[in-house]
């Protein structure tokens, strides 16, 4: 994966929050998924911890390169963990997105 935090510094706070919650939910769902494995647990736990630590900073200061870099790593880890598949939150979130016109990340944050 090509992860360049400089490509994310112009993201507005709302988009940062939305995409951050999406990555967080990927990690949480992977950790609790019935098809999880020890390898996916390692990625999921690391992603959850990393995103919890850095999402607020990335939202508050879009030019915080360390926070942006760590969020990219957390999102990548959550993506690796998602080999388990999606679960109820994502499935329900997709329905809410289409019904209420919210972004995918917004519906996940609400749930």
PDB file of N, CA and C in Angstrom:
ATOM      1  N   UNK A   1       0.839  -1.180   0.000  1.00  0.00           N
ATOM      2  CA  UNK A   1       0.000   0.000   0.000  1.00  0.00           C
ATOM      3  C   UNK A   1       0.885   1.245   0.000  1.00  0.00           C
ATOM      4  N   UNK A   2       0.457   2.238  -0.708  1.00  0.00           N
ATOM      5  CA  UNK A   2       1.138   3.531  -0.720  1.00  0.00           C
ATOM      6  C   UNK A   2       0.398   4.444   0.252  1.00  0.00           C
ATOM      7  N   UNK A   3       1.031   4.748   1.362  1.00  0.00           N
ATOM      8  CA  UNK A   3       0.404   5.554   2.407  1.00  0.00           C
ATOM      9  C   UNK A   3       1.171   6.859   2.547  1.00  0.00           C
ATOM     10  N   UNK A   4       0.576   7.939   2.088  1.00  0.00           N
ATOM     11  CA  UNK A   4       1.226   9.246   2.134  1.00  0.00           C
ATOM     12  C   UNK A   4       0.351  10.209   2.923  1.00  0.00           C
ATOM     13  N   UNK A   5       0.724  10.521   4.162  1.00  0.00           N
ATOM     14  CA  UNK A   5      -0.111  11.395   4.985  1.00  0.00           C
ATOM     15  C   UNK A   5      -0.278  12.791   4.398  1.00  0.00           C
ATOM     16  N   UNK A   6       0.663  13.227   3.583  1.00  0.00           N
ATOM     17  CA  UNK A   6       0.542  14.557   2.973  1.00  0.00           C
ATOM     18  C   UNK A   6      -0.659  14.635   2.030  1.00  0.00           C
ATOM     19  N   UNK A   7      -1.076  13.502   1.509  1.00  0.00           N
ATOM     20  CA  UNK A   7      -2.238  13.481   0.618  1.00  0.00           C
ATOM     21  C   UNK A   7      -3.552  13.645   1.379  1.00  0.00           C
ATOM     22  N   UNK A   8      -3.501  13.588   2.705  1.00  0.00           N
ATOM     23  CA  UNK A   8      -4.730  13.665   3.503  1.00  0.00           C
ATOM     24  C   UNK A   8      -4.893  14.971   4.273  1.00  0.00           C
ATOM     25  N   UNK A   9      -3.883  15.827   4.267  1.00  0.00           N
ATOM     26  CA  UNK A   9      -3.942  17.021   5.122  1.00  0.00           C
ATOM     27  C   UNK A   9      -5.022  18.016   4.707  1.00  0.00           C
ATOM     28  N   UNK A  10      -5.492  17.946   3.486  1.00  0.00           N
ATOM     29  CA  UNK A  10      -6.538  18.877   3.052  1.00  0.00           C
ATOM     30  C   UNK A  10      -7.946  18.339   3.316  1.00  0.00           C
ATOM     31  N   UNK A  11      -8.045  17.146   3.886  1.00  0.00           N
ATOM     32  CA  UNK A  11      -9.372  16.599   4.187  1.00  0.00           C
ATOM     33  C   UNK A  11     -10.040  17.429   5.277  1.00  0.00           C
ATOM     34  N   UNK A  12     -11.301  17.819   5.077  1.00  0.00           N
ATOM     35  CA  UNK A  12     -12.000  18.559   6.134  1.00  0.00           C
ATOM     36  C   UNK A  12     -12.250  17.665   7.354  1.00  0.00           C
ATOM     37  N   UNK A  13     -12.443  18.260   8.522  1.00  0.00           N
ATOM     38  CA  UNK A  13     -12.651  17.475   9.742  1.00  0.00           C
ATOM     39  C   UNK A  13     -13.793  16.463   9.635  1.00  0.00           C
ATOM     40  N   UNK A  14     -14.893  16.848   9.006  1.00  0.00           N
ATOM     41  CA  UNK A  14     -16.033  15.929   8.901  1.00  0.00           C
ATOM     42  C   UNK A  14     -15.669  14.686   8.101  1.00  0.00           C
ATOM     43  N   UNK A  15     -14.943  14.852   7.021  1.00  0.00           N
ATOM     44  CA  UNK A  15     -14.522  13.709   6.212  1.00  0.00           C
ATOM     45  C   UNK A  15     -13.493  12.868   6.968  1.00  0.00           C
ATOM     46  N   UNK A  16     -12.609  13.522   7.693  1.00  0.00           N
ATOM     47  CA  UNK A  16     -11.634  12.804   8.512  1.00  0.00           C
ATOM     48  C   UNK A  16     -12.349  11.945   9.548  1.00  0.00           C
ATOM     49  N   UNK A  17     -13.344  12.510  10.213  1.00  0.00           N
ATOM     50  CA  UNK A  17     -14.107  11.764  11.218  1.00  0.00           C
ATOM     51  C   UNK A  17     -14.852  10.600  10.584  1.00  0.00           C
ATOM     52  N   UNK A  18     -15.500  10.849   9.474  1.00  0.00           N
ATOM     53  CA  UNK A  18     -16.289   9.822   8.798  1.00  0.00           C
ATOM     54  C   UNK A  18     -15.426   8.643   8.365  1.00  0.00           C
ATOM     55  N   UNK A  19     -14.321   8.924   7.703  1.00  0.00           N
ATOM     56  CA  UNK A  19     -13.456   7.838   7.237  1.00  0.00           C
ATOM     57  C   UNK A  19     -12.743   7.161   8.407  1.00  0.00           C
ATOM     58  N   UNK A  20     -12.459   7.928   9.449  1.00  0.00           N
ATOM     59  CA  UNK A  20     -11.843   7.341  10.636  1.00  0.00           C
ATOM     60  C   UNK A  20     -12.769   6.365  11.336  1.00  0.00           C
ATOM     61  N   UNK A  21     -14.048   6.731  11.452  1.00  0.00           N
ATOM     62  CA  UNK A  21     -15.012   5.818  12.062  1.00  0.00           C
ATOM     63  C   UNK A  21     -15.205   4.573  11.207  1.00  0.00           C
ATOM     64  N   UNK A  22     -15.172   4.719   9.905  1.00  0.00           N
ATOM     65  CA  UNK A  22     -15.282   3.560   9.022  1.00  0.00           C
ATOM     66  C   UNK A  22     -14.136   2.594   9.298  1.00  0.00           C
ATOM     67  N   UNK A  23     -12.919   3.102   9.369  1.00  0.00           N
ATOM     68  CA  UNK A  23     -11.761   2.250   9.653  1.00  0.00           C
ATOM     69  C   UNK A  23     -11.874   1.611  11.039  1.00  0.00           C
ATOM     70  N   UNK A  24     -12.324   2.385  12.021  1.00  0.00           N
ATOM     71  CA  UNK A  24     -12.489   1.857  13.377  1.00  0.00           C
ATOM     72  C   UNK A  24     -13.478   0.696  13.395  1.00  0.00           C
ATOM     73  N   UNK A  25     -14.600   0.873  12.728  1.00  0.00           N
ATOM     74  CA  UNK A  25     -15.610  -0.185  12.690  1.00  0.00           C
ATOM     75  C   UNK A  25     -15.086  -1.407  11.950  1.00  0.00           C
ATOM     76  N   UNK A  26     -14.275  -1.219  10.911  1.00  0.00           N
ATOM     77  CA  UNK A  26     -13.645  -2.367  10.245  1.00  0.00           C
ATOM     78  C   UNK A  26     -12.871  -3.192  11.269  1.00  0.00           C
ATOM     79  N   UNK A  27     -12.078  -2.521  12.087  1.00  0.00           N
ATOM     80  CA  UNK A  27     -11.296  -3.227  13.097  1.00  0.00           C
ATOM     81  C   UNK A  27     -12.162  -3.924  14.133  1.00  0.00           C
ATOM     82  N   UNK A  28     -13.177  -3.232  14.623  1.00  0.00           N
ATOM     83  CA  UNK A  28     -14.065  -3.810  15.639  1.00  0.00           C
ATOM     84  C   UNK A  28     -14.814  -5.012  15.087  1.00  0.00           C
ATOM     85  N   UNK A  29     -15.377  -4.863  13.893  1.00  0.00           N
ATOM     86  CA  UNK A  29     -16.113  -5.984  13.304  1.00  0.00           C
ATOM     87  C   UNK A  29     -15.199  -7.175  13.041  1.00  0.00           C
ATOM     88  N   UNK A  30     -13.995  -6.919  12.585  1.00  0.00           N
ATOM     89  CA  UNK A  30     -13.057  -8.017  12.330  1.00  0.00           C
ATOM     90  C   UNK A  30     -12.723  -8.751  13.624  1.00  0.00           C
ATOM     91  N   UNK A  31     -12.562  -8.009  14.705  1.00  0.00           N
ATOM     92  CA  UNK A  31     -12.203  -8.630  15.983  1.00  0.00           C
ATOM     93  C   UNK A  31     -13.332  -9.511  16.526  1.00  0.00           C
ATOM     94  N   UNK A  32     -14.563  -9.110  16.310  1.00  0.00           N
ATOM     95  CA  UNK A  32     -15.696  -9.871  16.840  1.00  0.00           C
ATOM     96  C   UNK A  32     -16.323 -10.823  15.820  1.00  0.00           C
ATOM     97  N   UNK A  33     -15.785 -10.883  14.631  1.00  0.00           N
ATOM     98  CA  UNK A  33     -16.371 -11.705  13.571  1.00  0.00           C
ATOM     99  C   UNK A  33     -16.242 -13.192  13.894  1.00  0.00           C
ATOM    100  N   UNK A  34     -17.231 -13.951  13.500  1.00  0.00           N
ATOM    101  CA  UNK A  34     -17.202 -15.386  13.807  1.00  0.00           C
ATOM    102  C   UNK A  34     -16.117 -16.132  13.042  1.00  0.00           C
ATOM    103  N   UNK A  35     -15.630 -15.568  11.945  1.00  0.00           N
ATOM    104  CA  UNK A  35     -14.571 -16.210  11.167  1.00  0.00           C
ATOM    105  C   UNK A  35     -13.194 -15.611  11.443  1.00  0.00           C
ATOM    106  N   UNK A  36     -13.054 -14.963  12.566  1.00  0.00           N
ATOM    107  CA  UNK A  36     -11.770 -14.338  12.883  1.00  0.00           C
ATOM    108  C   UNK A  36     -10.701 -15.398  13.118  1.00  0.00           C
ATOM    109  N   UNK A  37      -9.456 -14.954  12.996  1.00  0.00           N
ATOM    110  CA  UNK A  37      -8.307 -15.830  13.200  1.00  0.00           C
ATOM    111  C   UNK A  37      -7.296 -15.081  14.067  1.00  0.00           C
ATOM    112  N   UNK A  38      -6.330 -15.777  14.641  1.00  0.00           N
ATOM    113  CA  UNK A  38      -5.326 -15.078  15.450  1.00  0.00           C
ATOM    114  C   UNK A  38      -4.617 -13.961  14.681  1.00  0.00           C
ATOM    115  N   UNK A  39      -4.337 -14.190  13.406  1.00  0.00           N
ATOM    116  CA  UNK A  39      -3.657 -13.162  12.616  1.00  0.00           C
ATOM    117  C   UNK A  39      -4.526 -11.924  12.440  1.00  0.00           C
ATOM    118  N   UNK A  40      -5.812 -12.122  12.164  1.00  0.00           N
ATOM    119  CA  UNK A  40      -6.689 -10.964  11.976  1.00  0.00           C
ATOM    120  C   UNK A  40      -6.913 -10.241  13.301  1.00  0.00           C
ATOM    121  N   UNK A  41      -6.904 -10.988  14.404  1.00  0.00           N
ATOM    122  CA  UNK A  41      -7.026 -10.352  15.722  1.00  0.00           C
ATOM    123  C   UNK A  41      -5.873  -9.387  15.978  1.00  0.00           C
ATOM    124  N   UNK A  42      -4.658  -9.791  15.605  1.00  0.00           N
ATOM    125  CA  UNK A  42      -3.498  -8.918  15.808  1.00  0.00           C
ATOM    126  C   UNK A  42      -3.669  -7.599  15.066  1.00  0.00           C
ATOM    127  N   UNK A  43      -4.083  -7.686  13.807  1.00  0.00           N
ATOM    128  CA  UNK A  43      -4.300  -6.466  13.024  1.00  0.00           C
ATOM    129  C   UNK A  43      -5.457  -5.649  13.589  1.00  0.00           C
ATOM    130  N   UNK A  44      -6.548  -6.328  13.944  1.00  0.00           N
ATOM    131  CA  UNK A  44      -7.730  -5.621  14.440  1.00  0.00           C
ATOM    132  C   UNK A  44      -7.432  -4.875  15.735  1.00  0.00           C
ATOM    133  N   UNK A  45      -6.777  -5.538  16.675  1.00  0.00           N
ATOM    134  CA  UNK A  45      -6.467  -4.903  17.961  1.00  0.00           C
ATOM    135  C   UNK A  45      -5.540  -3.712  17.769  1.00  0.00           C
ATOM    136  N   UNK A  46      -4.528  -3.886  16.943  1.00  0.00           N
ATOM    137  CA  UNK A  46      -3.607  -2.779  16.689  1.00  0.00           C
ATOM    138  C   UNK A  46      -4.331  -1.609  16.033  1.00  0.00           C
ATOM    139  N   UNK A  47      -5.197  -1.904  15.066  1.00  0.00           N
ATOM    140  CA  UNK A  47      -5.947  -0.850  14.375  1.00  0.00           C
ATOM    141  C   UNK A  47      -6.851  -0.096  15.340  1.00  0.00           C
ATOM    142  N   UNK A  48      -7.578  -0.818  16.167  1.00  0.00           N
ATOM    143  CA  UNK A  48      -8.501  -0.189  17.118  1.00  0.00           C
ATOM    144  C   UNK A  48      -7.741   0.739  18.065  1.00  0.00           C
ATOM    145  N   UNK A  49      -6.652   0.253  18.632  1.00  0.00           N
ATOM    146  CA  UNK A  49      -5.860   1.075  19.556  1.00  0.00           C
ATOM    147  C   UNK A  49      -5.300   2.311  18.864  1.00  0.00           C
ATOM    148  N   UNK A  50      -4.761   2.106  17.675  1.00  0.00           N
ATOM    149  CA  UNK A  50      -4.129   3.207  16.939  1.00  0.00           C
ATOM    150  C   UNK A  50      -5.168   4.273  16.570  1.00  0.00           C
ATOM    151  N   UNK A  51      -6.316   3.839  16.073  1.00  0.00           N
ATOM    152  CA  UNK A  51      -7.351   4.781  15.652  1.00  0.00           C
ATOM    153  C   UNK A  51      -7.913   5.538  16.857  1.00  0.00           C
ATOM    154  N   UNK A  52      -8.158   4.835  17.962  1.00  0.00           N
ATOM    155  CA  UNK A  52      -8.619   5.522  19.172  1.00  0.00           C
ATOM    156  C   UNK A  52      -7.624   6.588  19.612  1.00  0.00           C
ATOM    157  N   UNK A  53      -6.346   6.296  19.488  1.00  0.00           N
ATOM    158  CA  UNK A  53      -5.316   7.226  19.945  1.00  0.00           C
ATOM    159  C   UNK A  53      -5.186   8.449  19.042  1.00  0.00           C
ATOM    160  N   UNK A  54      -5.347   8.281  17.731  1.00  0.00           N
ATOM    161  CA  UNK A  54      -5.000   9.355  16.799  1.00  0.00           C
ATOM    162  C   UNK A  54      -6.168  10.011  16.062  1.00  0.00           C
ATOM    163  N   UNK A  55      -7.357   9.431  16.088  1.00  0.00           N
ATOM    164  CA  UNK A  55      -8.456  10.016  15.315  1.00  0.00           C
ATOM    165  C   UNK A  55      -8.801  11.422  15.795  1.00  0.00           C
ATOM    166  N   UNK A  56      -8.915  11.621  17.081  1.00  0.00           N
ATOM    167  CA  UNK A  56      -9.240  12.951  17.608  1.00  0.00           C
ATOM    168  C   UNK A  56      -8.226  14.001  17.199  1.00  0.00           C
ATOM    169  N   UNK A  57      -6.966  13.629  17.237  1.00  0.00           N
ATOM    170  CA  UNK A  57      -5.908  14.562  16.824  1.00  0.00           C
ATOM    171  C   UNK A  57      -6.012  14.894  15.344  1.00  0.00           C
ATOM    172  N   UNK A  58      -6.287  13.892  14.528  1.00  0.00           N
ATOM    173  CA  UNK A  58      -6.394  14.127  13.087  1.00  0.00           C
ATOM    174  C   UNK A  58      -7.589  15.022  12.763  1.00  0.00           C
ATOM    175  N   UNK A  59      -8.677  14.863  13.505  1.00  0.00           N
ATOM    176  CA  UNK A  59      -9.858  15.705  13.294  1.00  0.00           C
ATOM    177  C   UNK A  59      -9.561  17.141  13.739  1.00  0.00           C
ATOM    178  N   UNK A  60      -8.944  17.286  14.897  1.00  0.00           N
ATOM    179  CA  UNK A  60      -8.685  18.613  15.469  1.00  0.00           C
ATOM    180  C   UNK A  60      -7.658  19.415  14.678  1.00  0.00           C
ATOM    181  N   UNK A  61      -6.677  18.734  14.117  1.00  0.00           N
ATOM    182  CA  UNK A  61      -5.612  19.423  13.389  1.00  0.00           C
ATOM    183  C   UNK A  61      -5.248  18.604  12.156  1.00  0.00           C
ATOM    184  N   UNK A  62      -5.846  18.952  11.047  1.00  0.00           N
ATOM    185  CA  UNK A  62      -5.615  18.224   9.806  1.00  0.00           C
ATOM    186  C   UNK A  62      -4.174  18.225   9.340  1.00  0.00           C
ATOM    187  N   UNK A  63      -3.371  19.130   9.854  1.00  0.00           N
ATOM    188  CA  UNK A  63      -1.962  19.212   9.447  1.00  0.00           C
ATOM    189  C   UNK A  63      -1.025  18.460  10.404  1.00  0.00           C
ATOM    190  N   UNK A  64      -1.603  17.724  11.335  1.00  0.00           N
ATOM    191  CA  UNK A  64      -0.813  16.903  12.259  1.00  0.00           C
ATOM    192  C   UNK A  64      -0.361  15.651  11.498  1.00  0.00           C
ATOM    193  N   UNK A  65       0.840  15.706  10.966  1.00  0.00           N
ATOM    194  CA  UNK A  65       1.339  14.634  10.102  1.00  0.00           C
ATOM    195  C   UNK A  65       1.444  13.312  10.851  1.00  0.00           C
ATOM    196  N   UNK A  66       1.868  13.349  12.100  1.00  0.00           N
ATOM    197  CA  UNK A  66       1.962  12.096  12.856  1.00  0.00           C
ATOM    198  C   UNK A  66       0.589  11.446  12.989  1.00  0.00           C
ATOM    199  N   UNK A  67      -0.425  12.231  13.331  1.00  0.00           N
ATOM    200  CA  UNK A  67      -1.776  11.682  13.471  1.00  0.00           C
ATOM    201  C   UNK A  67      -2.276  11.142  12.139  1.00  0.00           C
ATOM    202  N   UNK A  68      -2.031  11.876  11.065  1.00  0.00           N
ATOM    203  CA  UNK A  68      -2.457  11.418   9.734  1.00  0.00           C
ATOM    204  C   UNK A  68      -1.756  10.114   9.351  1.00  0.00           C
ATOM    205  N   UNK A  69      -0.466  10.043   9.616  1.00  0.00           N
ATOM    206  CA  UNK A  69       0.294   8.836   9.293  1.00  0.00           C
ATOM    207  C   UNK A  69      -0.222   7.642  10.094  1.00  0.00           C
ATOM    208  N   UNK A  70      -0.450   7.852  11.371  1.00  0.00           N
ATOM    209  CA  UNK A  70      -0.943   6.772  12.224  1.00  0.00           C
ATOM    210  C   UNK A  70      -2.356   6.333  11.824  1.00  0.00           C
ATOM    211  N   UNK A  71      -3.181   7.278  11.402  1.00  0.00           N
ATOM    212  CA  UNK A  71      -4.521   6.921  10.925  1.00  0.00           C
ATOM    213  C   UNK A  71      -4.439   6.079   9.651  1.00  0.00           C
ATOM    214  N   UNK A  72      -3.526   6.424   8.767  1.00  0.00           N
ATOM    215  CA  UNK A  72      -3.345   5.613   7.560  1.00  0.00           C
ATOM    216  C   UNK A  72      -2.919   4.193   7.921  1.00  0.00           C
ATOM    217  N   UNK A  73      -1.993   4.067   8.861  1.00  0.00           N
ATOM    218  CA  UNK A  73      -1.555   2.738   9.286  1.00  0.00           C
ATOM    219  C   UNK A  73      -2.698   1.966   9.943  1.00  0.00           C
ATOM    220  N   UNK A  74      -3.473   2.647  10.784  1.00  0.00           N
ATOM    221  CA  UNK A  74      -4.615   2.000  11.425  1.00  0.00           C
ATOM    222  C   UNK A  74      -5.652   1.539  10.420  1.00  0.00           C
ATOM    223  N   UNK A  75      -5.922   2.370   9.424  1.00  0.00           N
ATOM    224  CA  UNK A  75      -6.886   1.990   8.387  1.00  0.00           C
ATOM    225  C   UNK A  75      -6.372   0.802   7.583  1.00  0.00           C
ATOM    226  N   UNK A  76      -5.069   0.778   7.306  1.00  0.00           N
ATOM    227  CA  UNK A  76      -4.492  -0.344   6.581  1.00  0.00           C
ATOM    228  C   UNK A  76      -4.597  -1.630   7.406  1.00  0.00           C
ATOM    229  N   UNK A  77      -4.268  -1.539   8.689  1.00  0.00           N
ATOM    230  CA  UNK A  77      -4.375  -2.710   9.563  1.00  0.00           C
ATOM    231  C   UNK A  77      -5.818  -3.208   9.634  1.00  0.00           C
ATOM    232  N   UNK A  78      -6.752  -2.284   9.751  1.00  0.00           N
ATOM    233  CA  UNK A  78      -8.165  -2.672   9.797  1.00  0.00           C
ATOM    234  C   UNK A  78      -8.576  -3.339   8.491  1.00  0.00           C
ATOM    235  N   UNK A  79      -8.043  -2.845   7.379  1.00  0.00           N
ATOM    236  CA  UNK A  79      -8.319  -3.473   6.085  1.00  0.00           C
ATOM    237  C   UNK A  79      -7.776  -4.885   6.011  1.00  0.00           C
ATOM    238  N   UNK A  80      -6.570  -5.097   6.540  1.00  0.00           N
ATOM    239  CA  UNK A  80      -6.015  -6.456   6.585  1.00  0.00           C
ATOM    240  C   UNK A  80      -6.898  -7.357   7.442  1.00  0.00           C
ATOM    241  N   UNK A  81      -7.361  -6.835   8.567  1.00  0.00           N
ATOM    242  CA  UNK A  81      -8.193  -7.617   9.480  1.00  0.00           C
ATOM    243  C   UNK A  81      -9.542  -7.961   8.864  1.00  0.00           C
ATOM    244  N   UNK A  82     -10.001  -7.138   7.921  1.00  0.00           N
ATOM    245  CA  UNK A  82     -11.323  -7.348   7.316  1.00  0.00           C
ATOM    246  C   UNK A  82     -11.379  -8.569   6.410  1.00  0.00           C
ATOM    247  N   UNK A  83     -10.307  -9.342   6.320  1.00  0.00           N
ATOM    248  CA  UNK A  83     -10.374 -10.605   5.583  1.00  0.00           C
ATOM    249  C   UNK A  83     -11.428 -11.522   6.178  1.00  0.00           C
ATOM    250  N   UNK A  84     -11.850 -11.224   7.402  1.00  0.00           N
ATOM    251  CA  UNK A  84     -12.905 -11.998   8.049  1.00  0.00           C
ATOM    252  C   UNK A  84     -14.268 -11.724   7.415  1.00  0.00           C
ATOM    253  N   UNK A  85     -14.429 -10.564   6.808  1.00  0.00           N
ATOM    254  CA  UNK A  85     -15.703 -10.154   6.222  1.00  0.00           C
ATOM    255  C   UNK A  85     -16.378  -9.082   7.067  1.00  0.00           C
ATOM    256  N   UNK A  86     -17.414  -8.500   6.518  1.00  0.00           N
ATOM    257  CA  UNK A  86     -18.188  -7.475   7.232  1.00  0.00           C
ATOM    258  C   UNK A  86     -19.215  -8.140   8.132  1.00  0.00           C
ATOM    259  N   UNK A  87     -19.728  -7.369   9.056  1.00  0.00           N
ATOM    260  CA  UNK A  87     -20.724  -7.892   9.990  1.00  0.00           C
ATOM    261  C   UNK A  87     -21.942  -6.968  10.018  1.00  0.00           C
ATOM    262  N   UNK A  88     -22.736  -7.086  11.054  1.00  0.00           N
ATOM    263  CA  UNK A  88     -24.032  -6.413  11.142  1.00  0.00           C
ATOM    264  C   UNK A  88     -23.944  -4.897  11.039  1.00  0.00           C
ATOM    265  N   UNK A  89     -22.954  -4.281  11.668  1.00  0.00           N
ATOM    266  CA  UNK A  89     -22.883  -2.816  11.654  1.00  0.00           C
ATOM    267  C   UNK A  89     -22.737  -2.304  10.227  1.00  0.00           C
ATOM    268  N   UNK A  90     -21.834  -2.902   9.455  1.00  0.00           N
ATOM    269  CA  UNK A  90     -21.652  -2.451   8.078  1.00  0.00           C
ATOM    270  C   UNK A  90     -22.883  -2.740   7.227  1.00  0.00           C
ATOM    271  N   UNK A  91     -23.464  -3.899   7.401  1.00  0.00           N
ATOM    272  CA  UNK A  91     -24.661  -4.237   6.625  1.00  0.00           C
ATOM    273  C   UNK A  91     -25.798  -3.266   6.911  1.00  0.00           C
ATOM    274  N   UNK A  92     -26.017  -2.970   8.176  1.00  0.00           N
ATOM    275  CA  UNK A  92     -27.070  -2.020   8.549  1.00  0.00           C
ATOM    276  C   UNK A  92     -26.714  -0.611   8.108  1.00  0.00           C
ATOM    277  N   UNK A  93     -25.453  -0.256   8.244  1.00  0.00           N
ATOM    278  CA  UNK A  93     -25.002   1.073   7.845  1.00  0.00           C
ATOM    279  C   UNK A  93     -25.240   1.352   6.379  1.00  0.00           C
ATOM    280  N   UNK A  94     -25.045   0.346   5.544  1.00  0.00           N
ATOM    281  CA  UNK A  94     -25.277   0.529   4.108  1.00  0.00           C
ATOM    282  C   UNK A  94     -26.738   0.868   3.831  1.00  0.00           C
ATOM    283  N   UNK A  95     -27.643   0.261   4.568  1.00  0.00           N
ATOM    284  CA  UNK A  95     -29.070   0.549   4.400  1.00  0.00           C
ATOM    285  C   UNK A  95     -29.385   1.983   4.822  1.00  0.00           C
ATOM    286  N   UNK A  96     -28.818   2.414   5.935  1.00  0.00           N
ATOM    287  CA  UNK A  96     -29.065   3.777   6.412  1.00  0.00           C
ATOM    288  C   UNK A  96     -28.472   4.823   5.470  1.00  0.00           C
ATOM    289  N   UNK A  97     -27.323   4.510   4.892  1.00  0.00           N
ATOM    290  CA  UNK A  97     -26.688   5.432   3.953  1.00  0.00           C
ATOM    291  C   UNK A  97     -27.618   5.734   2.795  1.00  0.00           C
ATOM    292  N   UNK A  98     -28.187   4.692   2.217  1.00  0.00           N
ATOM    293  CA  UNK A  98     -29.057   4.905   1.056  1.00  0.00           C
ATOM    294  C   UNK A  98     -30.392   5.531   1.450  1.00  0.00           C
ATOM    295  N   UNK A  99     -30.898   5.205   2.621  1.00  0.00           N
ATOM    296  CA  UNK A  99     -32.207   5.728   3.029  1.00  0.00           C
ATOM    297  C   UNK A  99     -32.156   7.193   3.454  1.00  0.00           C
ATOM    298  N   UNK A 100     -31.096   7.600   4.160  1.00  0.00           N
ATOM    299  CA  UNK A 100     -31.048   8.942   4.730  1.00  0.00           C
ATOM    300  C   UNK A 100     -30.041   9.873   4.069  1.00  0.00           C
ATOM    301  N   UNK A 101     -29.307   9.394   3.088  1.00  0.00           N
ATOM    302  CA  UNK A 101     -28.368  10.246   2.373  1.00  0.00           C
ATOM    303  C   UNK A 101     -27.151  10.663   3.184  1.00  0.00           C
ATOM    304  N   UNK A 102     -26.814   9.884   4.189  1.00  0.00           N
ATOM    305  CA  UNK A 102     -25.623  10.155   4.990  1.00  0.00           C
ATOM    306  C   UNK A 102     -24.429   9.442   4.375  1.00  0.00           C
ATOM    307  N   UNK A 103     -23.241   9.874   4.747  1.00  0.00           N
ATOM    308  CA  UNK A 103     -22.061   9.150   4.276  1.00  0.00           C
ATOM    309  C   UNK A 103     -21.973   7.816   5.012  1.00  0.00           C
ATOM    310  N   UNK A 104     -21.238   6.908   4.426  1.00  0.00           N
ATOM    311  CA  UNK A 104     -21.055   5.582   5.014  1.00  0.00           C
ATOM    312  C   UNK A 104     -20.489   5.693   6.434  1.00  0.00           C
ATOM    313  N   UNK A 105     -19.455   6.492   6.599  1.00  0.00           N
ATOM    314  CA  UNK A 105     -18.839   6.661   7.914  1.00  0.00           C
ATOM    315  C   UNK A 105     -19.772   7.294   8.931  1.00  0.00           C
ATOM    316  N   UNK A 106     -20.616   8.228   8.487  1.00  0.00           N
ATOM    317  CA  UNK A 106     -21.575   8.864   9.403  1.00  0.00           C
ATOM    318  C   UNK A 106     -22.559   7.843   9.953  1.00  0.00           C
ATOM    319  N   UNK A 107     -23.058   6.962   9.099  1.00  0.00           N
ATOM    320  CA  UNK A 107     -24.015   5.962   9.581  1.00  0.00           C
ATOM    321  C   UNK A 107     -23.344   5.000  10.551  1.00  0.00           C
ATOM    322  N   UNK A 108     -22.088   4.652  10.296  1.00  0.00           N
ATOM    323  CA  UNK A 108     -21.381   3.754  11.208  1.00  0.00           C
ATOM    324  C   UNK A 108     -21.146   4.425  12.555  1.00  0.00           C
ATOM    325  N   UNK A 109     -20.821   5.701  12.546  1.00  0.00           N
ATOM    326  CA  UNK A 109     -20.605   6.435  13.796  1.00  0.00           C
ATOM    327  C   UNK A 109     -21.897   6.520  14.608  1.00  0.00           C
ATOM    328  N   UNK A 110     -23.017   6.696  13.936  1.00  0.00           N
ATOM    329  CA  UNK A 110     -24.312   6.774  14.615  1.00  0.00           C
ATOM    330  C   UNK A 110     -24.643   5.452  15.287  1.00  0.00           C
ATOM    331  N   UNK A 111     -24.340   4.372  14.599  1.00  0.00           N
ATOM    332  CA  UNK A 111     -24.684   3.054  15.123  1.00  0.00           C
ATOM    333  C   UNK A 111     -23.775   2.693  16.270  1.00  0.00           C
TER     334      UNK A 111
END
